[in-house]
Amino acid sequence: MTPADLLKNGLNQLDIDYSESQINSFMIYLSELKKWNSTYNITALKTDKDIVIKHFLDSLLYLKAMPNRNIKLADIGSGGGFPGIPIKIMLPHIELTLIEPSRKKVSFLRNIVRKTGLSEITVLQKRMEQLDDTFNKHFDLIVSRATFSIREFLDLACPFVNDSGRLVISKGPKAEDELKQISRTAGISPVENTMLFKLPYANAVRHIIILKC
């Protein structure tokens, strides 16, 4: 099965609509990621199959938590662009900010933006805590696949979402233990919703957790 067919079948399993131009953008992304990976080690995943499943499809689970409107979205610790760029490919109307401290990964992200022709994307070489006051309450939604605990994610990101904004994070099978701990220590639970998905082609589950600040 080609990488494009693998992606299409995975999207069908997740009931996510797509166009051929979006699939083409993902194939450009795949090609550039492998090219840069050989020199700069952008990701530990090397094969087409692993990248399609564990980066592209895993990132696209976040679409299940996206509001159906134009939003300002931030991706903290974006790394190779996950989940922000896959979300942007599927929702080109949103305004995306990628926040990543690594210089080589920022260079890669800017290259992907050029190669795919995506617009309304800002790439910042910063940590979230280094953002200035102009970003306070700036975003409608903040997402991350970085290795934050839920508590860390809340503490780090909440100052930068607006009053009706939300945070979305993906967690694996230990999510329930972490959620119980958060509920005990937070008093009022910050969890608005938790959705459980099986990652296509993989023996893995993902908890997509929507948090309110």
N, C-alpha and C. Protein backbone atom coordinates (compact mmCIF):
# COMPACT_ATOMS: atom_id res chain seq x y z
N MET A 1 0.85 -1.20 0.00
CA MET A 1 0.00 0.00 0.00
C MET A 1 0.88 1.24 0.00
N THR A 2 0.58 2.20 -0.86
CA THR A 2 1.37 3.42 -0.91
C THR A 2 1.08 4.28 0.31
N PRO A 3 1.98 5.22 0.64
CA PRO A 3 1.69 6.12 1.77
C PRO A 3 0.38 6.90 1.59
N ALA A 4 0.10 7.31 0.35
CA ALA A 4 -1.14 8.05 0.10
C ALA A 4 -2.36 7.18 0.36
N ASP A 5 -2.32 5.91 -0.08
CA ASP A 5 -3.44 5.00 0.17
C ASP A 5 -3.59 4.69 1.65
N LEU A 6 -2.46 4.54 2.34
CA LEU A 6 -2.49 4.30 3.78
C LEU A 6 -3.18 5.46 4.49
N LEU A 7 -2.82 6.68 4.10
CA LEU A 7 -3.42 7.86 4.71
C LEU A 7 -4.91 7.95 4.40
N LYS A 8 -5.27 7.71 3.14
CA LYS A 8 -6.69 7.78 2.76
C LYS A 8 -7.52 6.76 3.53
N ASN A 9 -7.03 5.54 3.61
CA ASN A 9 -7.77 4.51 4.34
C ASN A 9 -7.90 4.85 5.81
N GLY A 10 -6.83 5.40 6.39
CA GLY A 10 -6.90 5.82 7.78
C GLY A 10 -7.91 6.93 8.00
N LEU A 11 -7.94 7.88 7.09
CA LEU A 11 -8.92 8.97 7.18
C LEU A 11 -10.34 8.44 7.05
N ASN A 12 -10.53 7.47 6.16
CA ASN A 12 -11.85 6.86 6.03
C ASN A 12 -12.26 6.17 7.33
N GLN A 13 -11.32 5.48 7.97
CA GLN A 13 -11.62 4.82 9.25
C GLN A 13 -12.03 5.83 10.32
N LEU A 14 -11.43 7.01 10.26
CA LEU A 14 -11.74 8.05 11.25
C LEU A 14 -12.91 8.92 10.83
N ASP A 15 -13.48 8.62 9.65
CA ASP A 15 -14.62 9.39 9.13
C ASP A 15 -14.27 10.86 8.96
N ILE A 16 -13.09 11.11 8.37
CA ILE A 16 -12.62 12.46 8.10
C ILE A 16 -12.59 12.65 6.58
N ASP A 17 -13.31 13.64 6.09
CA ASP A 17 -13.33 13.93 4.66
C ASP A 17 -12.00 14.55 4.23
N TYR A 18 -11.61 14.33 2.98
CA TYR A 18 -10.36 14.87 2.47
C TYR A 18 -10.47 15.11 0.97
N SER A 19 -9.57 15.92 0.46
CA SER A 19 -9.46 16.16 -0.98
C SER A 19 -8.11 15.63 -1.47
N GLU A 20 -8.00 15.45 -2.77
CA GLU A 20 -6.72 14.99 -3.33
C GLU A 20 -5.62 16.01 -3.10
N SER A 21 -5.97 17.29 -3.12
CA SER A 21 -4.94 18.31 -2.89
C SER A 21 -4.41 18.23 -1.45
N GLN A 22 -5.28 17.88 -0.52
CA GLN A 22 -4.82 17.71 0.87
C GLN A 22 -3.90 16.49 0.98
N ILE A 23 -4.25 15.41 0.32
CA ILE A 23 -3.38 14.23 0.32
C ILE A 23 -2.03 14.58 -0.30
N ASN A 24 -2.04 15.36 -1.37
CA ASN A 24 -0.78 15.78 -2.00
C ASN A 24 0.07 16.60 -1.03
N SER A 25 -0.57 17.47 -0.25
CA SER A 25 0.18 18.26 0.74
C SER A 25 0.84 17.35 1.76
N PHE A 26 0.14 16.32 2.19
CA PHE A 26 0.73 15.38 3.14
C PHE A 26 1.91 14.62 2.52
N MET A 27 1.83 14.30 1.24
CA MET A 27 2.92 13.58 0.59
C MET A 27 4.16 14.49 0.44
N ILE A 28 3.94 15.78 0.19
CA ILE A 28 5.05 16.74 0.20
C ILE A 28 5.67 16.79 1.60
N TYR A 29 4.83 16.85 2.58
CA TYR A 29 5.26 16.87 3.99
C TYR A 29 6.10 15.64 4.30
N LEU A 30 5.62 14.48 3.90
CA LEU A 30 6.32 13.22 4.13
C LEU A 30 7.70 13.23 3.48
N SER A 31 7.74 13.66 2.24
CA SER A 31 9.01 13.70 1.49
C SER A 31 10.02 14.63 2.16
N GLU A 32 9.58 15.81 2.53
CA GLU A 32 10.48 16.78 3.16
C GLU A 32 10.93 16.31 4.54
N LEU A 33 10.02 15.68 5.28
CA LEU A 33 10.38 15.19 6.61
C LEU A 33 11.48 14.14 6.52
N LYS A 34 11.36 13.22 5.57
CA LYS A 34 12.39 12.19 5.41
C LYS A 34 13.71 12.80 4.93
N LYS A 35 13.62 13.78 4.06
CA LYS A 35 14.84 14.43 3.55
C LYS A 35 15.58 15.14 4.67
N TRP A 36 14.87 15.92 5.45
CA TRP A 36 15.49 16.66 6.55
C TRP A 36 15.92 15.72 7.67
N ASN A 37 15.17 14.65 7.85
CA ASN A 37 15.47 13.73 8.93
C ASN A 37 16.84 13.09 8.78
N SER A 38 17.26 12.89 7.55
CA SER A 38 18.54 12.23 7.31
C SER A 38 19.71 13.07 7.82
N THR A 39 19.52 14.37 7.93
CA THR A 39 20.58 15.26 8.39
C THR A 39 20.31 15.84 9.78
N TYR A 40 19.05 16.20 10.04
CA TYR A 40 18.75 16.98 11.24
C TYR A 40 17.98 16.21 12.32
N ASN A 41 17.61 14.96 12.06
CA ASN A 41 16.92 14.15 13.06
C ASN A 41 15.70 14.87 13.63
N ILE A 42 14.79 15.24 12.75
CA ILE A 42 13.58 15.95 13.15
C ILE A 42 12.65 15.05 13.96
N THR A 43 12.60 13.78 13.60
CA THR A 43 11.73 12.82 14.30
C THR A 43 12.43 11.47 14.39
N ALA A 44 12.07 10.71 15.42
CA ALA A 44 12.63 9.36 15.58
C ALA A 44 11.98 8.37 14.63
N LEU A 45 10.85 8.70 14.08
CA LEU A 45 10.16 7.81 13.14
C LEU A 45 10.79 7.92 11.77
N LYS A 46 11.07 6.79 11.13
CA LYS A 46 11.81 6.81 9.87
C LYS A 46 11.02 6.31 8.67
N THR A 47 10.11 5.34 8.87
CA THR A 47 9.44 4.72 7.73
C THR A 47 8.19 5.50 7.33
N ASP A 48 7.80 5.35 6.06
CA ASP A 48 6.58 5.99 5.57
C ASP A 48 5.38 5.58 6.43
N LYS A 49 5.28 4.29 6.71
CA LYS A 49 4.13 3.78 7.47
C LYS A 49 4.06 4.40 8.86
N ASP A 50 5.18 4.43 9.56
CA ASP A 50 5.19 5.00 10.91
C ASP A 50 4.85 6.48 10.90
N ILE A 51 5.37 7.21 9.93
CA ILE A 51 5.11 8.65 9.86
C ILE A 51 3.63 8.91 9.56
N VAL A 52 3.08 8.16 8.61
CA VAL A 52 1.66 8.35 8.26
C VAL A 52 0.76 8.04 9.44
N ILE A 53 1.05 6.92 10.12
CA ILE A 53 0.17 6.50 11.22
C ILE A 53 0.41 7.30 12.49
N LYS A 54 1.67 7.36 12.92
CA LYS A 54 1.99 7.88 14.25
C LYS A 54 2.21 9.39 14.29
N HIS A 55 2.33 10.01 13.11
CA HIS A 55 2.39 11.47 13.07
C HIS A 55 1.15 12.06 12.41
N PHE A 56 0.87 11.67 11.16
CA PHE A 56 -0.24 12.30 10.43
C PHE A 56 -1.59 11.92 11.03
N LEU A 57 -1.90 10.63 11.08
CA LEU A 57 -3.21 10.21 11.57
C LEU A 57 -3.37 10.51 13.06
N ASP A 58 -2.32 10.33 13.83
CA ASP A 58 -2.38 10.64 15.26
C ASP A 58 -2.70 12.12 15.46
N SER A 59 -2.07 12.98 14.67
CA SER A 59 -2.34 14.42 14.77
C SER A 59 -3.77 14.75 14.38
N LEU A 60 -4.30 14.04 13.38
CA LEU A 60 -5.62 14.37 12.86
C LEU A 60 -6.75 13.96 13.80
N LEU A 61 -6.45 13.18 14.83
CA LEU A 61 -7.46 12.93 15.86
C LEU A 61 -7.90 14.22 16.54
N TYR A 62 -7.03 15.21 16.56
CA TYR A 62 -7.37 16.50 17.16
C TYR A 62 -8.52 17.19 16.43
N LEU A 63 -8.74 16.82 15.17
CA LEU A 63 -9.85 17.42 14.43
C LEU A 63 -11.18 17.16 15.12
N LYS A 64 -11.26 16.08 15.86
CA LYS A 64 -12.51 15.73 16.55
C LYS A 64 -12.85 16.74 17.64
N ALA A 65 -11.87 17.55 18.04
CA ALA A 65 -12.10 18.55 19.09
C ALA A 65 -12.13 19.98 18.53
N MET A 66 -12.05 20.13 17.21
CA MET A 66 -11.99 21.46 16.63
C MET A 66 -13.38 22.07 16.48
N PRO A 67 -13.58 23.32 16.89
CA PRO A 67 -14.86 23.98 16.65
C PRO A 67 -15.03 24.28 15.16
N ASN A 68 -16.27 24.31 14.72
CA ASN A 68 -16.57 24.51 13.29
C ASN A 68 -16.65 26.00 12.96
N ARG A 69 -15.51 26.67 13.10
CA ARG A 69 -15.45 28.11 12.79
C ARG A 69 -13.99 28.52 12.63
N ASN A 70 -13.77 29.73 12.18
CA ASN A 70 -12.42 30.26 12.08
C ASN A 70 -11.87 30.47 13.50
N ILE A 71 -10.69 29.98 13.74
CA ILE A 71 -10.10 30.13 15.07
C ILE A 71 -8.62 30.50 14.96
N LYS A 72 -8.11 31.03 16.06
CA LYS A 72 -6.67 31.22 16.22
C LYS A 72 -6.16 30.05 17.05
N LEU A 73 -5.33 29.23 16.41
CA LEU A 73 -4.85 27.99 17.02
C LEU A 73 -3.35 28.07 17.25
N ALA A 74 -2.90 27.64 18.43
CA ALA A 74 -1.47 27.53 18.72
C ALA A 74 -1.11 26.09 19.00
N ASP A 75 0.07 25.69 18.54
CA ASP A 75 0.61 24.37 18.79
C ASP A 75 1.90 24.55 19.58
N ILE A 76 1.90 24.10 20.86
CA ILE A 76 3.06 24.27 21.73
C ILE A 76 4.02 23.10 21.57
N GLY A 77 5.31 23.41 21.47
CA GLY A 77 6.30 22.35 21.31
C GLY A 77 6.06 21.57 20.04
N SER A 78 5.90 22.29 18.95
CA SER A 78 5.41 21.70 17.70
C SER A 78 6.37 20.68 17.10
N GLY A 79 7.66 20.78 17.39
CA GLY A 79 8.62 19.80 16.87
C GLY A 79 8.64 19.79 15.35
N GLY A 80 8.27 18.65 14.77
CA GLY A 80 8.20 18.54 13.32
C GLY A 80 6.89 19.03 12.73
N GLY A 81 6.09 19.73 13.56
CA GLY A 81 4.84 20.31 13.06
C GLY A 81 3.59 19.57 13.51
N PHE A 82 3.73 18.72 14.52
CA PHE A 82 2.61 17.88 14.94
C PHE A 82 2.05 18.31 16.29
N PRO A 83 0.74 18.51 16.38
CA PRO A 83 -0.29 18.24 15.38
C PRO A 83 -0.66 19.42 14.49
N GLY A 84 0.00 20.57 14.65
CA GLY A 84 -0.46 21.80 14.02
C GLY A 84 -0.58 21.76 12.52
N ILE A 85 0.47 21.31 11.83
CA ILE A 85 0.43 21.36 10.36
C ILE A 85 -0.59 20.38 9.78
N PRO A 86 -0.68 19.12 10.26
CA PRO A 86 -1.76 18.28 9.75
C PRO A 86 -3.15 18.89 9.95
N ILE A 87 -3.38 19.52 11.11
CA ILE A 87 -4.66 20.20 11.33
C ILE A 87 -4.86 21.30 10.30
N LYS A 88 -3.83 22.09 10.06
CA LYS A 88 -3.92 23.20 9.11
C LYS A 88 -4.18 22.72 7.69
N ILE A 89 -3.55 21.62 7.30
CA ILE A 89 -3.80 21.07 5.95
C ILE A 89 -5.28 20.74 5.78
N MET A 90 -5.88 20.20 6.82
CA MET A 90 -7.29 19.81 6.73
C MET A 90 -8.25 20.98 6.96
N LEU A 91 -7.79 21.99 7.71
CA LEU A 91 -8.62 23.17 8.01
C LEU A 91 -7.85 24.42 7.59
N PRO A 92 -7.75 24.67 6.29
CA PRO A 92 -6.89 25.77 5.81
C PRO A 92 -7.35 27.16 6.23
N HIS A 93 -8.60 27.29 6.69
CA HIS A 93 -9.13 28.60 7.05
C HIS A 93 -8.66 29.09 8.42
N ILE A 94 -8.10 28.20 9.26
CA ILE A 94 -7.71 28.64 10.60
C ILE A 94 -6.39 29.42 10.56
N GLU A 95 -6.18 30.20 11.59
CA GLU A 95 -4.93 30.94 11.76
C GLU A 95 -4.06 30.17 12.75
N LEU A 96 -2.87 29.74 12.31
CA LEU A 96 -2.05 28.82 13.09
C LEU A 96 -0.75 29.46 13.53
N THR A 97 -0.39 29.26 14.80
CA THR A 97 0.91 29.65 15.32
C THR A 97 1.62 28.41 15.85
N LEU A 98 2.81 28.15 15.31
CA LEU A 98 3.63 27.03 15.73
C LEU A 98 4.72 27.55 16.66
N ILE A 99 4.81 27.00 17.86
CA ILE A 99 5.76 27.48 18.87
C ILE A 99 6.74 26.36 19.18
N GLU A 100 8.00 26.59 18.84
CA GLU A 100 9.02 25.54 18.94
C GLU A 100 10.38 26.16 19.24
N PRO A 101 11.07 25.73 20.30
CA PRO A 101 12.34 26.38 20.66
C PRO A 101 13.55 25.95 19.83
N SER A 102 13.50 24.78 19.19
CA SER A 102 14.67 24.26 18.46
C SER A 102 14.85 24.99 17.13
N ARG A 103 16.05 25.52 16.92
CA ARG A 103 16.32 26.27 15.69
C ARG A 103 16.18 25.39 14.45
N LYS A 104 16.72 24.17 14.50
CA LYS A 104 16.67 23.31 13.31
C LYS A 104 15.23 22.90 13.00
N LYS A 105 14.43 22.69 14.04
CA LYS A 105 13.03 22.33 13.79
C LYS A 105 12.23 23.51 13.29
N VAL A 106 12.54 24.70 13.76
CA VAL A 106 11.90 25.91 13.25
C VAL A 106 12.23 26.10 11.77
N SER A 107 13.48 25.87 11.40
CA SER A 107 13.87 25.95 9.98
C SER A 107 13.08 24.95 9.16
N PHE A 108 12.92 23.75 9.69
CA PHE A 108 12.13 22.73 8.99
C PHE A 108 10.68 23.17 8.84
N LEU A 109 10.10 23.69 9.90
CA LEU A 109 8.71 24.14 9.85
C LEU A 109 8.50 25.23 8.80
N ARG A 110 9.42 26.17 8.75
CA ARG A 110 9.30 27.24 7.76
C ARG A 110 9.45 26.70 6.35
N ASN A 111 10.29 25.68 6.19
CA ASN A 111 10.43 25.04 4.89
C ASN A 111 9.13 24.34 4.47
N ILE A 112 8.49 23.66 5.41
CA ILE A 112 7.23 22.97 5.10
C ILE A 112 6.15 23.97 4.71
N VAL A 113 6.10 25.09 5.40
CA VAL A 113 5.12 26.13 5.05
C VAL A 113 5.34 26.59 3.61
N ARG A 114 6.60 26.79 3.23
CA ARG A 114 6.90 27.21 1.84
C ARG A 114 6.54 26.12 0.84
N LYS A 115 6.93 24.89 1.13
CA LYS A 115 6.75 23.80 0.18
C LYS A 115 5.28 23.46 -0.05
N THR A 116 4.48 23.55 0.99
CA THR A 116 3.07 23.21 0.87
C THR A 116 2.22 24.39 0.42
N GLY A 117 2.75 25.61 0.51
CA GLY A 117 1.99 26.79 0.13
C GLY A 117 0.91 27.16 1.14
N LEU A 118 1.01 26.66 2.35
CA LEU A 118 0.03 27.01 3.37
C LEU A 118 0.20 28.48 3.79
N SER A 119 -0.92 29.13 4.08
CA SER A 119 -0.88 30.54 4.47
C SER A 119 -1.44 30.71 5.89
N GLU A 120 -1.29 31.91 6.40
CA GLU A 120 -1.74 32.24 7.76
C GLU A 120 -1.13 31.31 8.81
N ILE A 121 0.19 31.11 8.68
CA ILE A 121 0.94 30.36 9.67
C ILE A 121 2.10 31.21 10.17
N THR A 122 2.22 31.32 11.48
CA THR A 122 3.35 31.99 12.12
C THR A 122 4.18 30.94 12.84
N VAL A 123 5.49 30.98 12.62
CA VAL A 123 6.40 30.05 13.31
C VAL A 123 7.27 30.86 14.25
N LEU A 124 7.22 30.54 15.53
CA LEU A 124 7.97 31.26 16.56
C LEU A 124 9.02 30.36 17.17
N GLN A 125 10.27 30.81 17.18
CA GLN A 125 11.33 30.07 17.85
C GLN A 125 11.38 30.51 19.30
N LYS A 126 10.48 29.94 20.10
CA LYS A 126 10.35 30.31 21.51
C LYS A 126 9.78 29.14 22.29
N ARG A 127 9.92 29.23 23.59
CA ARG A 127 9.11 28.41 24.48
C ARG A 127 7.84 29.19 24.81
N MET A 128 6.79 28.49 25.18
CA MET A 128 5.52 29.15 25.46
C MET A 128 5.68 30.21 26.54
N GLU A 129 6.47 29.92 27.56
CA GLU A 129 6.63 30.86 28.66
C GLU A 129 7.42 32.10 28.27
N GLN A 130 8.01 32.11 27.07
CA GLN A 130 8.76 33.27 26.58
C GLN A 130 7.90 34.22 25.75
N LEU A 131 6.64 33.88 25.52
CA LEU A 131 5.77 34.76 24.75
C LEU A 131 5.53 36.06 25.51
N ASP A 132 5.47 37.15 24.77
CA ASP A 132 5.26 38.43 25.44
C ASP A 132 3.77 38.68 25.69
N ASP A 133 3.49 39.80 26.34
CA ASP A 133 2.12 40.08 26.79
C ASP A 133 1.13 40.24 25.65
N THR A 134 1.61 40.49 24.44
CA THR A 134 0.67 40.65 23.31
C THR A 134 -0.09 39.35 23.02
N PHE A 135 0.43 38.22 23.50
CA PHE A 135 -0.25 36.94 23.27
C PHE A 135 -1.17 36.54 24.43
N ASN A 136 -1.23 37.34 25.47
CA ASN A 136 -2.15 37.01 26.57
C ASN A 136 -3.59 36.97 26.07
N LYS A 137 -4.28 35.89 26.36
CA LYS A 137 -5.67 35.68 25.94
C LYS A 137 -5.84 35.83 24.43
N HIS A 138 -4.84 35.44 23.67
CA HIS A 138 -4.83 35.66 22.22
C HIS A 138 -5.49 34.54 21.44
N PHE A 139 -5.37 33.31 21.92
CA PHE A 139 -5.76 32.15 21.12
C PHE A 139 -7.13 31.61 21.53
N ASP A 140 -7.81 31.03 20.54
CA ASP A 140 -9.08 30.35 20.81
C ASP A 140 -8.84 28.91 21.27
N LEU A 141 -7.76 28.32 20.78
CA LEU A 141 -7.47 26.93 21.09
C LEU A 141 -5.96 26.73 21.10
N ILE A 142 -5.47 25.98 22.08
CA ILE A 142 -4.06 25.61 22.13
C ILE A 142 -3.98 24.09 22.21
N VAL A 143 -3.14 23.51 21.36
CA VAL A 143 -2.97 22.05 21.32
C VAL A 143 -1.51 21.72 21.57
N SER A 144 -1.27 20.45 21.92
CA SER A 144 0.11 20.01 22.07
C SER A 144 0.19 18.49 22.03
N ARG A 145 1.27 17.99 21.42
CA ARG A 145 1.63 16.58 21.53
C ARG A 145 2.94 16.44 22.32
N ALA A 146 3.43 17.52 22.86
CA ALA A 146 4.65 17.47 23.66
C ALA A 146 4.38 16.70 24.94
N THR A 147 5.47 16.36 25.63
CA THR A 147 5.33 15.47 26.79
C THR A 147 5.02 16.23 28.07
N PHE A 148 4.01 17.06 28.03
CA PHE A 148 3.54 17.75 29.22
C PHE A 148 2.60 16.84 30.00
N SER A 149 2.61 16.98 31.32
CA SER A 149 1.48 16.46 32.08
C SER A 149 0.30 17.40 31.86
N ILE A 150 -0.89 16.93 32.18
CA ILE A 150 -2.06 17.79 32.04
C ILE A 150 -1.92 19.03 32.91
N ARG A 151 -1.41 18.86 34.12
CA ARG A 151 -1.23 19.99 35.04
C ARG A 151 -0.25 21.01 34.46
N GLU A 152 0.86 20.51 33.91
CA GLU A 152 1.85 21.41 33.30
C GLU A 152 1.24 22.16 32.12
N PHE A 153 0.48 21.45 31.32
CA PHE A 153 -0.15 22.06 30.14
C PHE A 153 -1.10 23.18 30.55
N LEU A 154 -1.90 22.93 31.57
CA LEU A 154 -2.81 23.95 32.07
C LEU A 154 -2.05 25.18 32.56
N ASP A 155 -1.03 24.95 33.37
CA ASP A 155 -0.27 26.06 33.95
C ASP A 155 0.42 26.88 32.86
N LEU A 156 0.93 26.19 31.85
CA LEU A 156 1.70 26.85 30.80
C LEU A 156 0.82 27.60 29.82
N ALA A 157 -0.28 26.98 29.42
CA ALA A 157 -1.05 27.50 28.29
C ALA A 157 -2.23 28.38 28.66
N CYS A 158 -2.78 28.21 29.84
CA CYS A 158 -4.01 28.95 30.18
C CYS A 158 -3.90 30.47 30.04
N PRO A 159 -2.76 31.09 30.38
CA PRO A 159 -2.70 32.54 30.22
C PRO A 159 -2.89 33.03 28.78
N PHE A 160 -2.74 32.13 27.82
CA PHE A 160 -2.73 32.55 26.41
C PHE A 160 -4.00 32.21 25.64
N VAL A 161 -5.00 31.60 26.32
CA VAL A 161 -6.29 31.39 25.66
C VAL A 161 -7.27 32.45 26.13
N ASN A 162 -8.20 32.82 25.25
CA ASN A 162 -9.18 33.82 25.62
C ASN A 162 -10.22 33.22 26.58
N ASP A 163 -11.15 34.05 27.02
CA ASP A 163 -12.05 33.63 28.10
C ASP A 163 -12.93 32.44 27.72
N SER A 164 -13.21 32.27 26.43
CA SER A 164 -14.01 31.12 25.99
C SER A 164 -13.13 30.05 25.34
N GLY A 165 -11.82 30.22 25.43
CA GLY A 165 -10.91 29.30 24.77
C GLY A 165 -10.74 27.99 25.50
N ARG A 166 -10.12 27.04 24.81
CA ARG A 166 -9.92 25.71 25.36
C ARG A 166 -8.51 25.19 25.02
N LEU A 167 -8.07 24.19 25.77
CA LEU A 167 -6.83 23.49 25.52
C LEU A 167 -7.17 22.06 25.12
N VAL A 168 -6.39 21.48 24.21
CA VAL A 168 -6.61 20.09 23.80
C VAL A 168 -5.28 19.35 23.82
N ILE A 169 -5.27 18.21 24.48
CA ILE A 169 -4.06 17.39 24.57
C ILE A 169 -4.44 15.94 24.33
N SER A 170 -3.50 15.18 23.77
CA SER A 170 -3.71 13.76 23.52
C SER A 170 -2.89 12.96 24.53
N LYS A 171 -3.54 11.94 25.09
CA LYS A 171 -2.87 11.08 26.06
C LYS A 171 -3.12 9.62 25.72
N GLY A 172 -2.21 8.77 26.16
CA GLY A 172 -2.31 7.34 25.93
C GLY A 172 -3.10 6.62 27.01
N PRO A 173 -2.80 5.34 27.24
CA PRO A 173 -3.61 4.52 28.14
C PRO A 173 -3.56 4.93 29.61
N LYS A 174 -2.57 5.71 30.02
CA LYS A 174 -2.47 6.13 31.41
C LYS A 174 -3.23 7.43 31.69
N ALA A 175 -3.99 7.88 30.70
CA ALA A 175 -4.71 9.16 30.84
C ALA A 175 -5.65 9.17 32.04
N GLU A 176 -6.34 8.06 32.27
CA GLU A 176 -7.34 8.03 33.34
C GLU A 176 -6.71 8.28 34.71
N ASP A 177 -5.53 7.72 34.95
CA ASP A 177 -4.85 7.95 36.22
C ASP A 177 -4.49 9.43 36.38
N GLU A 178 -4.02 10.03 35.30
CA GLU A 178 -3.64 11.44 35.36
C GLU A 178 -4.87 12.33 35.57
N LEU A 179 -5.98 11.97 34.91
CA LEU A 179 -7.21 12.74 35.06
C LEU A 179 -7.74 12.67 36.49
N LYS A 180 -7.64 11.50 37.10
CA LYS A 180 -8.08 11.36 38.50
C LYS A 180 -7.24 12.23 39.42
N GLN A 181 -5.94 12.26 39.18
CA GLN A 181 -5.05 13.08 39.99
C GLN A 181 -5.36 14.56 39.84
N ILE A 182 -5.63 14.98 38.60
CA ILE A 182 -5.96 16.38 38.34
C ILE A 182 -7.25 16.76 39.06
N SER A 183 -8.26 15.91 39.01
CA SER A 183 -9.54 16.20 39.66
C SER A 183 -9.38 16.34 41.16
N ARG A 184 -8.50 15.53 41.74
CA ARG A 184 -8.29 15.60 43.19
C ARG A 184 -7.59 16.89 43.60
N THR A 185 -6.64 17.34 42.79
CA THR A 185 -5.83 18.49 43.19
C THR A 185 -6.40 19.82 42.71
N ALA A 186 -7.25 19.80 41.68
CA ALA A 186 -7.74 21.05 41.11
C ALA A 186 -8.99 21.56 41.80
N GLY A 187 -9.65 20.72 42.61
CA GLY A 187 -10.90 21.14 43.22
C GLY A 187 -12.02 21.00 42.21
N ILE A 188 -12.20 21.99 41.36
CA ILE A 188 -13.14 21.92 40.25
C ILE A 188 -12.38 21.35 39.05
N SER A 189 -12.87 20.29 38.47
CA SER A 189 -12.14 19.63 37.38
C SER A 189 -12.06 20.54 36.15
N PRO A 190 -10.86 20.66 35.56
CA PRO A 190 -10.72 21.46 34.34
C PRO A 190 -11.11 20.70 33.08
N VAL A 191 -11.50 19.44 33.22
CA VAL A 191 -11.78 18.60 32.05
C VAL A 191 -13.20 18.87 31.56
N GLU A 192 -13.31 19.33 30.32
CA GLU A 192 -14.63 19.57 29.72
C GLU A 192 -15.16 18.32 29.02
N ASN A 193 -14.25 17.60 28.35
CA ASN A 193 -14.68 16.40 27.62
C ASN A 193 -13.45 15.53 27.36
N THR A 194 -13.68 14.22 27.32
CA THR A 194 -12.64 13.27 26.94
C THR A 194 -13.21 12.33 25.90
N MET A 195 -12.52 12.20 24.78
CA MET A 195 -12.95 11.31 23.70
C MET A 195 -11.91 10.23 23.49
N LEU A 196 -12.36 9.00 23.34
CA LEU A 196 -11.46 7.86 23.19
C LEU A 196 -11.48 7.38 21.75
N PHE A 197 -10.29 7.21 21.16
CA PHE A 197 -10.17 6.75 19.78
C PHE A 197 -9.13 5.64 19.68
N LYS A 198 -9.33 4.76 18.72
CA LYS A 198 -8.31 3.79 18.36
C LYS A 198 -7.55 4.35 17.17
N LEU A 199 -6.25 4.39 17.27
CA LEU A 199 -5.42 4.88 16.17
C LEU A 199 -5.44 3.84 15.05
N PRO A 200 -5.81 4.24 13.82
CA PRO A 200 -5.85 3.28 12.72
C PRO A 200 -4.53 2.53 12.53
N TYR A 201 -4.64 1.25 12.22
CA TYR A 201 -3.52 0.36 11.93
C TYR A 201 -2.64 0.07 13.15
N ALA A 202 -2.97 0.58 14.29
CA ALA A 202 -2.08 0.44 15.45
C ALA A 202 -2.85 -0.11 16.65
N ASN A 203 -2.17 -0.85 17.47
CA ASN A 203 -2.77 -1.35 18.70
C ASN A 203 -2.57 -0.29 19.79
N ALA A 204 -3.24 0.83 19.59
CA ALA A 204 -3.05 1.98 20.49
C ALA A 204 -4.34 2.76 20.60
N VAL A 205 -4.57 3.29 21.79
CA VAL A 205 -5.73 4.15 22.01
C VAL A 205 -5.24 5.55 22.36
N ARG A 206 -6.06 6.52 22.05
CA ARG A 206 -5.76 7.90 22.37
C ARG A 206 -6.96 8.53 23.07
N HIS A 207 -6.66 9.24 24.15
CA HIS A 207 -7.66 10.05 24.82
C HIS A 207 -7.43 11.49 24.36
N ILE A 208 -8.38 12.06 23.63
CA ILE A 208 -8.33 13.47 23.25
C ILE A 208 -9.09 14.23 24.32
N ILE A 209 -8.36 15.04 25.07
CA ILE A 209 -8.90 15.67 26.27
C ILE A 209 -9.05 17.18 26.05
N ILE A 210 -10.25 17.67 26.23
CA ILE A 210 -10.54 19.10 26.11
C ILE A 210 -10.57 19.70 27.51
N LEU A 211 -9.78 20.74 27.71
CA LEU A 211 -9.64 21.35 29.03
C LEU A 211 -10.09 22.80 29.00
N LYS A 212 -10.70 23.24 30.08
CA LYS A 212 -11.05 24.64 30.24
C LYS A 212 -10.16 25.24 31.33
N CYS A 213 -9.86 26.51 31.18
CA CYS A 213 -8.94 27.15 32.13
C CYS A 213 -9.71 27.81 33.28
